[in-house]
ModelCIF file with pLDDT and N, C-alpha, C, O atoms, coordinates in Angstrom:
data_MODEL
#
_entry.id   MODEL 
#
_entity.id                         1 
_entity.type                       polymer 
_entity.pdbx_number_of_molecules   1 
#
_entity_poly.entity_id                      1 
_entity_poly.type                           'polypeptide(L)' 
_entity_poly.nstd_linkage                   no 
_entity_poly.nstd_monomer                   no 
_entity_poly.pdbx_seq_one_letter_code       EINVILKYVEFIIPENQSYRFIYPTVVGPRYTNHTEEESSFE 
_entity_poly.pdbx_seq_one_letter_code_can   EINVILKYVEFIIPENQSYRFIYPTVVGPRYTNHTEEESSFE 
_entity_poly.pdbx_strand_id                 A 
#
loop_
_entity_poly_seq.entity_id 
_entity_poly_seq.num 
_entity_poly_seq.mon_id 
_entity_poly_seq.hetero 
1 1  GLU n 
1 2  ILE n 
1 3  ASN n 
1 4  VAL n 
1 5  ILE n 
1 6  LEU n 
1 7  LYS n 
1 8  TYR n 
1 9  VAL n 
1 10 GLU n 
1 11 PHE n 
1 12 ILE n 
1 13 ILE n 
1 14 PRO n 
1 15 GLU n 
1 16 ASN n 
1 17 GLN n 
1 18 SER n 
1 19 TYR n 
1 20 ARG n 
1 21 PHE n 
1 22 ILE n 
1 23 TYR n 
1 24 PRO n 
1 25 THR n 
1 26 VAL n 
1 27 VAL n 
1 28 GLY n 
1 29 PRO n 
1 30 ARG n 
1 31 TYR n 
1 32 THR n 
1 33 ASN n 
1 34 HIS n 
1 35 THR n 
1 36 GLU n 
1 37 GLU n 
1 38 GLU n 
1 39 SER n 
1 40 SER n 
1 41 PHE n 
1 42 GLU n 
#
_struct_asym.id          A 
_struct_asym.entity_id   1 
#
loop_
_ma_qa_metric.id 
_ma_qa_metric.mode 
_ma_qa_metric.name 
_ma_qa_metric.software_group_id 
_ma_qa_metric.type 
1 global pLDDT . pLDDT 
2 local  pLDDT . pLDDT 
#
_ma_qa_metric_global.metric_id      1 
_ma_qa_metric_global.metric_value   71.83 
_ma_qa_metric_global.model_id       1 
_ma_qa_metric_global.ordinal_id     1 
#
loop_
_ma_qa_metric_local.label_asym_id 
_ma_qa_metric_local.label_comp_id 
_ma_qa_metric_local.label_seq_id 
_ma_qa_metric_local.metric_id 
_ma_qa_metric_local.metric_value 
_ma_qa_metric_local.model_id 
_ma_qa_metric_local.ordinal_id 
A GLU 1  2 90.00 1 1  
A ILE 2  2 89.00 1 2  
A ASN 3  2 91.00 1 3  
A VAL 4  2 89.00 1 4  
A ILE 5  2 90.00 1 5  
A LEU 6  2 87.00 1 6  
A LYS 7  2 89.00 1 7  
A TYR 8  2 89.00 1 8  
A VAL 9  2 91.00 1 9  
A GLU 10 2 91.00 1 10 
A PHE 11 2 89.00 1 11 
A ILE 12 2 90.00 1 12 
A ILE 13 2 84.00 1 13 
A PRO 14 2 86.00 1 14 
A GLU 15 2 81.00 1 15 
A ASN 16 2 76.00 1 16 
A GLN 17 2 80.00 1 17 
A SER 18 2 89.00 1 18 
A TYR 19 2 93.00 1 19 
A ARG 20 2 93.00 1 20 
A PHE 21 2 94.00 1 21 
A ILE 22 2 91.00 1 22 
A TYR 23 2 90.00 1 23 
A PRO 24 2 84.00 1 24 
A THR 25 2 80.00 1 25 
A VAL 26 2 55.00 1 26 
A VAL 27 2 58.00 1 27 
A GLY 28 2 51.00 1 28 
A PRO 29 2 55.00 1 29 
A ARG 30 2 53.00 1 30 
A TYR 31 2 53.00 1 31 
A THR 32 2 53.00 1 32 
A ASN 33 2 53.00 1 33 
A HIS 34 2 47.00 1 34 
A THR 35 2 45.00 1 35 
A GLU 36 2 45.00 1 36 
A GLU 37 2 42.00 1 37 
A GLU 38 2 43.00 1 38 
A SER 39 2 43.00 1 39 
A SER 40 2 44.00 1 40 
A PHE 41 2 40.00 1 41 
A GLU 42 2 41.00 1 42 
#
loop_
_atom_site.group_PDB 
_atom_site.id 
_atom_site.type_symbol 
_atom_site.label_atom_id 
_atom_site.label_alt_id 
_atom_site.label_comp_id 
_atom_site.label_asym_id 
_atom_site.label_entity_id 
_atom_site.label_seq_id 
_atom_site.pdbx_PDB_ins_code 
_atom_site.Cartn_x 
_atom_site.Cartn_y 
_atom_site.Cartn_z 
_atom_site.occupancy 
_atom_site.B_iso_or_equiv 
_atom_site.pdbx_formal_charge 
_atom_site.auth_seq_id 
_atom_site.auth_comp_id 
_atom_site.auth_asym_id 
_atom_site.auth_atom_id 
_atom_site.pdbx_PDB_model_num 
ATOM 1   N N  . GLU A 1 1  ? 187.477 177.247 -116.378 1.00 90.00 ? 1  GLU A N  1 
ATOM 2   C CA . GLU A 1 1  ? 187.819 178.546 -116.509 1.00 90.00 ? 1  GLU A CA 1 
ATOM 3   C C  . GLU A 1 1  ? 189.208 178.562 -115.885 1.00 90.00 ? 1  GLU A C  1 
ATOM 4   O O  . GLU A 1 1  ? 189.593 178.039 -114.840 1.00 90.00 ? 1  GLU A O  1 
ATOM 5   N N  . ILE A 1 2  ? 189.831 179.258 -116.740 1.00 89.00 ? 2  ILE A N  1 
ATOM 6   C CA . ILE A 1 2  ? 191.546 179.614 -116.232 1.00 89.00 ? 2  ILE A CA 1 
ATOM 7   C C  . ILE A 1 2  ? 191.440 180.890 -116.086 1.00 89.00 ? 2  ILE A C  1 
ATOM 8   O O  . ILE A 1 2  ? 191.014 181.626 -116.976 1.00 89.00 ? 2  ILE A O  1 
ATOM 9   N N  . ASN A 1 3  ? 191.881 181.349 -114.755 1.00 91.00 ? 3  ASN A N  1 
ATOM 10  C CA . ASN A 1 3  ? 192.815 182.416 -114.774 1.00 91.00 ? 3  ASN A CA 1 
ATOM 11  C C  . ASN A 1 3  ? 194.218 182.776 -115.018 1.00 91.00 ? 3  ASN A C  1 
ATOM 12  O O  . ASN A 1 3  ? 194.902 181.942 -114.425 1.00 91.00 ? 3  ASN A O  1 
ATOM 13  N N  . VAL A 1 4  ? 195.084 183.775 -115.716 1.00 89.00 ? 4  VAL A N  1 
ATOM 14  C CA . VAL A 1 4  ? 195.772 183.380 -115.706 1.00 89.00 ? 4  VAL A CA 1 
ATOM 15  C C  . VAL A 1 4  ? 196.540 185.196 -115.086 1.00 89.00 ? 4  VAL A C  1 
ATOM 16  O O  . VAL A 1 4  ? 196.276 186.195 -115.756 1.00 89.00 ? 4  VAL A O  1 
ATOM 17  N N  . ILE A 1 5  ? 197.491 185.316 -113.722 1.00 90.00 ? 5  ILE A N  1 
ATOM 18  C CA . ILE A 1 5  ? 197.933 185.869 -113.297 1.00 90.00 ? 5  ILE A CA 1 
ATOM 19  C C  . ILE A 1 5  ? 199.674 186.203 -113.965 1.00 90.00 ? 5  ILE A C  1 
ATOM 20  O O  . ILE A 1 5  ? 200.636 185.467 -113.745 1.00 90.00 ? 5  ILE A O  1 
ATOM 21  N N  . LEU A 1 6  ? 199.703 187.165 -114.588 1.00 87.00 ? 6  LEU A N  1 
ATOM 22  C CA . LEU A 1 6  ? 201.487 187.548 -114.794 1.00 87.00 ? 6  LEU A CA 1 
ATOM 23  C C  . LEU A 1 6  ? 201.654 188.691 -114.550 1.00 87.00 ? 6  LEU A C  1 
ATOM 24  O O  . LEU A 1 6  ? 200.873 189.592 -114.857 1.00 87.00 ? 6  LEU A O  1 
ATOM 25  N N  . LYS A 1 7  ? 202.993 188.852 -113.798 1.00 89.00 ? 7  LYS A N  1 
ATOM 26  C CA . LYS A 1 7  ? 203.499 190.262 -113.141 1.00 89.00 ? 7  LYS A CA 1 
ATOM 27  C C  . LYS A 1 7  ? 205.093 190.252 -113.993 1.00 89.00 ? 7  LYS A C  1 
ATOM 28  O O  . LYS A 1 7  ? 205.819 189.371 -114.454 1.00 89.00 ? 7  LYS A O  1 
ATOM 29  N N  . TYR A 1 8  ? 205.136 191.539 -113.908 1.00 89.00 ? 8  TYR A N  1 
ATOM 30  C CA . TYR A 1 8  ? 206.581 191.649 -114.982 1.00 89.00 ? 8  TYR A CA 1 
ATOM 31  C C  . TYR A 1 8  ? 206.752 193.301 -114.873 1.00 89.00 ? 8  TYR A C  1 
ATOM 32  O O  . TYR A 1 8  ? 205.907 194.172 -115.085 1.00 89.00 ? 8  TYR A O  1 
ATOM 33  N N  . VAL A 1 9  ? 208.057 193.415 -114.494 1.00 91.00 ? 9  VAL A N  1 
ATOM 34  C CA . VAL A 1 9  ? 208.456 195.102 -114.515 1.00 91.00 ? 9  VAL A CA 1 
ATOM 35  C C  . VAL A 1 9  ? 209.354 195.366 -115.465 1.00 91.00 ? 9  VAL A C  1 
ATOM 36  O O  . VAL A 1 9  ? 210.412 194.745 -115.573 1.00 91.00 ? 9  VAL A O  1 
ATOM 37  N N  . GLU A 1 10 ? 208.835 196.711 -116.539 1.00 91.00 ? 10 GLU A N  1 
ATOM 38  C CA . GLU A 1 10 ? 209.566 197.332 -117.721 1.00 91.00 ? 10 GLU A CA 1 
ATOM 39  C C  . GLU A 1 10 ? 210.198 198.518 -117.260 1.00 91.00 ? 10 GLU A C  1 
ATOM 40  O O  . GLU A 1 10 ? 209.780 199.320 -116.425 1.00 91.00 ? 10 GLU A O  1 
ATOM 41  N N  . PHE A 1 11 ? 211.580 198.530 -118.105 1.00 89.00 ? 11 PHE A N  1 
ATOM 42  C CA . PHE A 1 11 ? 212.291 199.726 -117.917 1.00 89.00 ? 11 PHE A CA 1 
ATOM 43  C C  . PHE A 1 11 ? 211.590 201.032 -118.878 1.00 89.00 ? 11 PHE A C  1 
ATOM 44  O O  . PHE A 1 11 ? 211.324 200.824 -120.062 1.00 89.00 ? 11 PHE A O  1 
ATOM 45  N N  . ILE A 1 12 ? 211.393 202.051 -118.390 1.00 90.00 ? 12 ILE A N  1 
ATOM 46  C CA . ILE A 1 12 ? 210.631 203.029 -118.947 1.00 90.00 ? 12 ILE A CA 1 
ATOM 47  C C  . ILE A 1 12 ? 211.948 204.128 -119.269 1.00 90.00 ? 12 ILE A C  1 
ATOM 48  O O  . ILE A 1 12 ? 212.738 204.658 -118.487 1.00 90.00 ? 12 ILE A O  1 
ATOM 49  N N  . ILE A 1 13 ? 211.818 204.220 -120.754 1.00 84.00 ? 13 ILE A N  1 
ATOM 50  C CA . ILE A 1 13 ? 213.177 205.304 -121.189 1.00 84.00 ? 13 ILE A CA 1 
ATOM 51  C C  . ILE A 1 13 ? 212.662 206.414 -121.848 1.00 84.00 ? 13 ILE A C  1 
ATOM 52  O O  . ILE A 1 13 ? 211.994 206.097 -122.833 1.00 84.00 ? 13 ILE A O  1 
ATOM 53  N N  . PRO A 1 14 ? 212.731 207.395 -121.676 1.00 86.00 ? 14 PRO A N  1 
ATOM 54  C CA . PRO A 1 14 ? 211.999 208.564 -122.450 1.00 86.00 ? 14 PRO A CA 1 
ATOM 55  C C  . PRO A 1 14 ? 212.686 208.685 -123.635 1.00 86.00 ? 14 PRO A C  1 
ATOM 56  O O  . PRO A 1 14 ? 213.865 208.338 -123.708 1.00 86.00 ? 14 PRO A O  1 
ATOM 57  N N  . GLU A 1 15 ? 211.851 209.314 -124.933 1.00 81.00 ? 15 GLU A N  1 
ATOM 58  C CA . GLU A 1 15 ? 212.114 209.657 -125.734 1.00 81.00 ? 15 GLU A CA 1 
ATOM 59  C C  . GLU A 1 15 ? 211.672 211.137 -126.499 1.00 81.00 ? 15 GLU A C  1 
ATOM 60  O O  . GLU A 1 15 ? 210.568 211.607 -126.772 1.00 81.00 ? 15 GLU A O  1 
ATOM 61  N N  . ASN A 1 16 ? 212.978 211.606 -126.696 1.00 76.00 ? 16 ASN A N  1 
ATOM 62  C CA . ASN A 1 16 ? 212.213 213.089 -126.385 1.00 76.00 ? 16 ASN A CA 1 
ATOM 63  C C  . ASN A 1 16 ? 211.942 213.971 -125.662 1.00 76.00 ? 16 ASN A C  1 
ATOM 64  O O  . ASN A 1 16 ? 211.285 214.982 -125.911 1.00 76.00 ? 16 ASN A O  1 
ATOM 65  N N  . GLN A 1 17 ? 212.535 213.582 -124.510 1.00 80.00 ? 17 GLN A N  1 
ATOM 66  C CA . GLN A 1 17 ? 212.122 214.159 -123.186 1.00 80.00 ? 17 GLN A CA 1 
ATOM 67  C C  . GLN A 1 17 ? 210.543 213.629 -122.720 1.00 80.00 ? 17 GLN A C  1 
ATOM 68  O O  . GLN A 1 17 ? 210.003 214.139 -121.738 1.00 80.00 ? 17 GLN A O  1 
ATOM 69  N N  . SER A 1 18 ? 209.934 212.666 -123.446 1.00 89.00 ? 18 SER A N  1 
ATOM 70  C CA . SER A 1 18 ? 208.418 212.075 -122.946 1.00 89.00 ? 18 SER A CA 1 
ATOM 71  C C  . SER A 1 18 ? 208.615 210.896 -122.664 1.00 89.00 ? 18 SER A C  1 
ATOM 72  O O  . SER A 1 18 ? 209.432 210.207 -123.274 1.00 89.00 ? 18 SER A O  1 
ATOM 73  N N  . TYR A 1 19 ? 207.829 210.431 -121.599 1.00 93.00 ? 19 TYR A N  1 
ATOM 74  C CA . TYR A 1 19 ? 207.933 208.864 -121.110 1.00 93.00 ? 19 TYR A CA 1 
ATOM 75  C C  . TYR A 1 19 ? 206.446 208.574 -121.767 1.00 93.00 ? 19 TYR A C  1 
ATOM 76  O O  . TYR A 1 19 ? 205.415 209.242 -121.838 1.00 93.00 ? 19 TYR A O  1 
ATOM 77  N N  . ARG A 1 20 ? 206.850 207.194 -122.232 1.00 93.00 ? 20 ARG A N  1 
ATOM 78  C CA . ARG A 1 20 ? 205.408 206.712 -122.461 1.00 93.00 ? 20 ARG A CA 1 
ATOM 79  C C  . ARG A 1 20 ? 205.659 205.042 -122.195 1.00 93.00 ? 20 ARG A C  1 
ATOM 80  O O  . ARG A 1 20 ? 206.620 204.302 -122.408 1.00 93.00 ? 20 ARG A O  1 
ATOM 81  N N  . PHE A 1 21 ? 204.291 204.833 -121.615 1.00 94.00 ? 21 PHE A N  1 
ATOM 82  C CA . PHE A 1 21 ? 203.972 203.301 -121.345 1.00 94.00 ? 21 PHE A CA 1 
ATOM 83  C C  . PHE A 1 21 ? 202.830 202.666 -122.319 1.00 94.00 ? 21 PHE A C  1 
ATOM 84  O O  . PHE A 1 21 ? 201.773 203.186 -122.675 1.00 94.00 ? 21 PHE A O  1 
ATOM 85  N N  . ILE A 1 22 ? 203.333 201.455 -122.624 1.00 91.00 ? 22 ILE A N  1 
ATOM 86  C CA . ILE A 1 22 ? 202.410 200.956 -123.647 1.00 91.00 ? 22 ILE A CA 1 
ATOM 87  C C  . ILE A 1 22 ? 202.127 199.783 -122.950 1.00 91.00 ? 22 ILE A C  1 
ATOM 88  O O  . ILE A 1 22 ? 203.029 199.264 -122.292 1.00 91.00 ? 22 ILE A O  1 
ATOM 89  N N  . TYR A 1 23 ? 200.948 199.254 -122.994 1.00 90.00 ? 23 TYR A N  1 
ATOM 90  C CA . TYR A 1 23 ? 199.877 198.260 -123.260 1.00 90.00 ? 23 TYR A CA 1 
ATOM 91  C C  . TYR A 1 23 ? 199.482 197.257 -123.998 1.00 90.00 ? 23 TYR A C  1 
ATOM 92  O O  . TYR A 1 23 ? 198.283 197.258 -124.278 1.00 90.00 ? 23 TYR A O  1 
ATOM 93  N N  . PRO A 1 24 ? 200.215 196.280 -124.454 1.00 84.00 ? 24 PRO A N  1 
ATOM 94  C CA . PRO A 1 24 ? 199.414 195.874 -125.712 1.00 84.00 ? 24 PRO A CA 1 
ATOM 95  C C  . PRO A 1 24 ? 198.389 195.237 -125.464 1.00 84.00 ? 24 PRO A C  1 
ATOM 96  O O  . PRO A 1 24 ? 198.529 194.266 -124.720 1.00 84.00 ? 24 PRO A O  1 
ATOM 97  N N  . THR A 1 25 ? 197.067 195.536 -125.968 1.00 80.00 ? 25 THR A N  1 
ATOM 98  C CA . THR A 1 25 ? 195.693 194.615 -125.634 1.00 80.00 ? 25 THR A CA 1 
ATOM 99  C C  . THR A 1 25 ? 195.988 193.299 -126.472 1.00 80.00 ? 25 THR A C  1 
ATOM 100 O O  . THR A 1 25 ? 196.709 193.234 -127.468 1.00 80.00 ? 25 THR A O  1 
ATOM 101 N N  . VAL A 1 26 ? 195.335 192.334 -125.911 1.00 55.00 ? 26 VAL A N  1 
ATOM 102 C CA . VAL A 1 26 ? 194.974 190.973 -125.924 1.00 55.00 ? 26 VAL A CA 1 
ATOM 103 C C  . VAL A 1 26 ? 194.515 190.765 -127.532 1.00 55.00 ? 26 VAL A C  1 
ATOM 104 O O  . VAL A 1 26 ? 193.694 191.526 -128.044 1.00 55.00 ? 26 VAL A O  1 
ATOM 105 N N  . VAL A 1 27 ? 195.095 189.720 -128.230 1.00 58.00 ? 27 VAL A N  1 
ATOM 106 C CA . VAL A 1 27 ? 195.094 189.391 -129.680 1.00 58.00 ? 27 VAL A CA 1 
ATOM 107 C C  . VAL A 1 27 ? 193.679 188.641 -129.602 1.00 58.00 ? 27 VAL A C  1 
ATOM 108 O O  . VAL A 1 27 ? 192.920 188.610 -130.570 1.00 58.00 ? 27 VAL A O  1 
ATOM 109 N N  . GLY A 1 28 ? 193.323 187.912 -128.107 1.00 51.00 ? 28 GLY A N  1 
ATOM 110 C CA . GLY A 1 28 ? 192.856 186.583 -128.561 1.00 51.00 ? 28 GLY A CA 1 
ATOM 111 C C  . GLY A 1 28 ? 193.625 185.112 -128.827 1.00 51.00 ? 28 GLY A C  1 
ATOM 112 O O  . GLY A 1 28 ? 194.773 184.840 -129.180 1.00 51.00 ? 28 GLY A O  1 
ATOM 113 N N  . PRO A 1 29 ? 192.401 184.255 -128.478 1.00 55.00 ? 29 PRO A N  1 
ATOM 114 C CA . PRO A 1 29 ? 193.144 182.630 -129.127 1.00 55.00 ? 29 PRO A CA 1 
ATOM 115 C C  . PRO A 1 29 ? 193.508 182.535 -129.985 1.00 55.00 ? 29 PRO A C  1 
ATOM 116 O O  . PRO A 1 29 ? 192.875 183.271 -130.743 1.00 55.00 ? 29 PRO A O  1 
ATOM 117 N N  . ARG A 1 30 ? 194.806 181.639 -130.858 1.00 53.00 ? 30 ARG A N  1 
ATOM 118 C CA . ARG A 1 30 ? 195.364 181.513 -131.645 1.00 53.00 ? 30 ARG A CA 1 
ATOM 119 C C  . ARG A 1 30 ? 195.321 179.880 -132.119 1.00 53.00 ? 30 ARG A C  1 
ATOM 120 O O  . ARG A 1 30 ? 194.880 179.161 -131.223 1.00 53.00 ? 30 ARG A O  1 
ATOM 121 N N  . TYR A 1 31 ? 195.634 179.290 -133.152 1.00 53.00 ? 31 TYR A N  1 
ATOM 122 C CA . TYR A 1 31 ? 195.159 177.953 -133.248 1.00 53.00 ? 31 TYR A CA 1 
ATOM 123 C C  . TYR A 1 31 ? 196.989 177.526 -134.029 1.00 53.00 ? 31 TYR A C  1 
ATOM 124 O O  . TYR A 1 31 ? 197.921 178.143 -134.544 1.00 53.00 ? 31 TYR A O  1 
ATOM 125 N N  . THR A 1 32 ? 196.713 176.416 -133.745 1.00 53.00 ? 32 THR A N  1 
ATOM 126 C CA . THR A 1 32 ? 197.893 176.105 -134.198 1.00 53.00 ? 32 THR A CA 1 
ATOM 127 C C  . THR A 1 32 ? 197.784 174.175 -134.512 1.00 53.00 ? 32 THR A C  1 
ATOM 128 O O  . THR A 1 32 ? 197.064 173.545 -133.737 1.00 53.00 ? 32 THR A O  1 
ATOM 129 N N  . ASN A 1 33 ? 198.333 173.599 -135.350 1.00 53.00 ? 33 ASN A N  1 
ATOM 130 C CA . ASN A 1 33 ? 198.544 171.795 -135.124 1.00 53.00 ? 33 ASN A CA 1 
ATOM 131 C C  . ASN A 1 33 ? 199.992 171.410 -134.872 1.00 53.00 ? 33 ASN A C  1 
ATOM 132 O O  . ASN A 1 33 ? 201.043 172.045 -134.948 1.00 53.00 ? 33 ASN A O  1 
ATOM 133 N N  . HIS A 1 34 ? 199.769 170.466 -134.627 1.00 47.00 ? 34 HIS A N  1 
ATOM 134 C CA . HIS A 1 34 ? 201.330 169.776 -134.051 1.00 47.00 ? 34 HIS A CA 1 
ATOM 135 C C  . HIS A 1 34 ? 202.404 169.524 -134.872 1.00 47.00 ? 34 HIS A C  1 
ATOM 136 O O  . HIS A 1 34 ? 203.458 169.132 -134.370 1.00 47.00 ? 34 HIS A O  1 
ATOM 137 N N  . THR A 1 35 ? 202.286 169.712 -136.211 1.00 45.00 ? 35 THR A N  1 
ATOM 138 C CA . THR A 1 35 ? 202.899 169.967 -137.099 1.00 45.00 ? 35 THR A CA 1 
ATOM 139 C C  . THR A 1 35 ? 203.618 170.668 -137.664 1.00 45.00 ? 35 THR A C  1 
ATOM 140 O O  . THR A 1 35 ? 204.442 170.460 -138.556 1.00 45.00 ? 35 THR A O  1 
ATOM 141 N N  . GLU A 1 36 ? 203.042 172.300 -136.683 1.00 45.00 ? 36 GLU A N  1 
ATOM 142 C CA . GLU A 1 36 ? 204.202 173.317 -137.291 1.00 45.00 ? 36 GLU A CA 1 
ATOM 143 C C  . GLU A 1 36 ? 205.272 173.558 -136.532 1.00 45.00 ? 36 GLU A C  1 
ATOM 144 O O  . GLU A 1 36 ? 205.276 173.196 -135.355 1.00 45.00 ? 36 GLU A O  1 
ATOM 145 N N  . GLU A 1 37 ? 206.122 174.074 -136.982 1.00 42.00 ? 37 GLU A N  1 
ATOM 146 C CA . GLU A 1 37 ? 207.132 174.597 -136.153 1.00 42.00 ? 37 GLU A CA 1 
ATOM 147 C C  . GLU A 1 37 ? 206.905 175.029 -134.630 1.00 42.00 ? 37 GLU A C  1 
ATOM 148 O O  . GLU A 1 37 ? 205.764 175.141 -134.181 1.00 42.00 ? 37 GLU A O  1 
ATOM 149 N N  . GLU A 1 38 ? 208.108 175.280 -133.814 1.00 43.00 ? 38 GLU A N  1 
ATOM 150 C CA . GLU A 1 38 ? 208.259 176.039 -132.892 1.00 43.00 ? 38 GLU A CA 1 
ATOM 151 C C  . GLU A 1 38 ? 207.836 177.539 -132.951 1.00 43.00 ? 38 GLU A C  1 
ATOM 152 O O  . GLU A 1 38 ? 207.081 178.120 -132.171 1.00 43.00 ? 38 GLU A O  1 
ATOM 153 N N  . SER A 1 39 ? 208.581 178.121 -134.207 1.00 43.00 ? 39 SER A N  1 
ATOM 154 C CA . SER A 1 39 ? 207.978 179.442 -134.634 1.00 43.00 ? 39 SER A CA 1 
ATOM 155 C C  . SER A 1 39 ? 206.813 179.538 -134.978 1.00 43.00 ? 39 SER A C  1 
ATOM 156 O O  . SER A 1 39 ? 206.582 180.568 -135.611 1.00 43.00 ? 39 SER A O  1 
ATOM 157 N N  . SER A 1 40 ? 205.870 178.795 -134.798 1.00 44.00 ? 40 SER A N  1 
ATOM 158 C CA . SER A 1 40 ? 204.503 179.182 -136.128 1.00 44.00 ? 40 SER A CA 1 
ATOM 159 C C  . SER A 1 40 ? 203.899 180.443 -134.901 1.00 44.00 ? 40 SER A C  1 
ATOM 160 O O  . SER A 1 40 ? 203.047 181.219 -135.331 1.00 44.00 ? 40 SER A O  1 
ATOM 161 N N  . PHE A 1 41 ? 204.251 180.570 -133.760 1.00 40.00 ? 41 PHE A N  1 
ATOM 162 C CA . PHE A 1 41 ? 203.554 181.725 -133.201 1.00 40.00 ? 41 PHE A CA 1 
ATOM 163 C C  . PHE A 1 41 ? 203.693 183.070 -134.114 1.00 40.00 ? 41 PHE A C  1 
ATOM 164 O O  . PHE A 1 41 ? 202.744 183.845 -134.229 1.00 40.00 ? 41 PHE A O  1 
ATOM 165 N N  . GLU A 1 42 ? 204.587 183.224 -134.569 1.00 41.00 ? 42 GLU A N  1 
ATOM 166 C CA . GLU A 1 42 ? 204.683 184.516 -135.134 1.00 41.00 ? 42 GLU A CA 1 
ATOM 167 C C  . GLU A 1 42 ? 203.805 184.332 -136.739 1.00 41.00 ? 42 GLU A C  1 
ATOM 168 O O  . GLU A 1 42 ? 203.702 185.294 -137.500 1.00 41.00 ? 42 GLU A O  1 
#
C-alpha cells in the first residue's frame, strides 16, 4: 500500500469580488505503455 502526501500552496484571486477555492477530485489510476510519448498523460 502506498500513502502519498502532497503539500502545495495556491494563490486565490477573487473574481467579481467573490473568492473561490477548488479542489479537483481524483480521477483514479490511468494506464500507459512504454511506447507512448511523454505527453501521453494528456
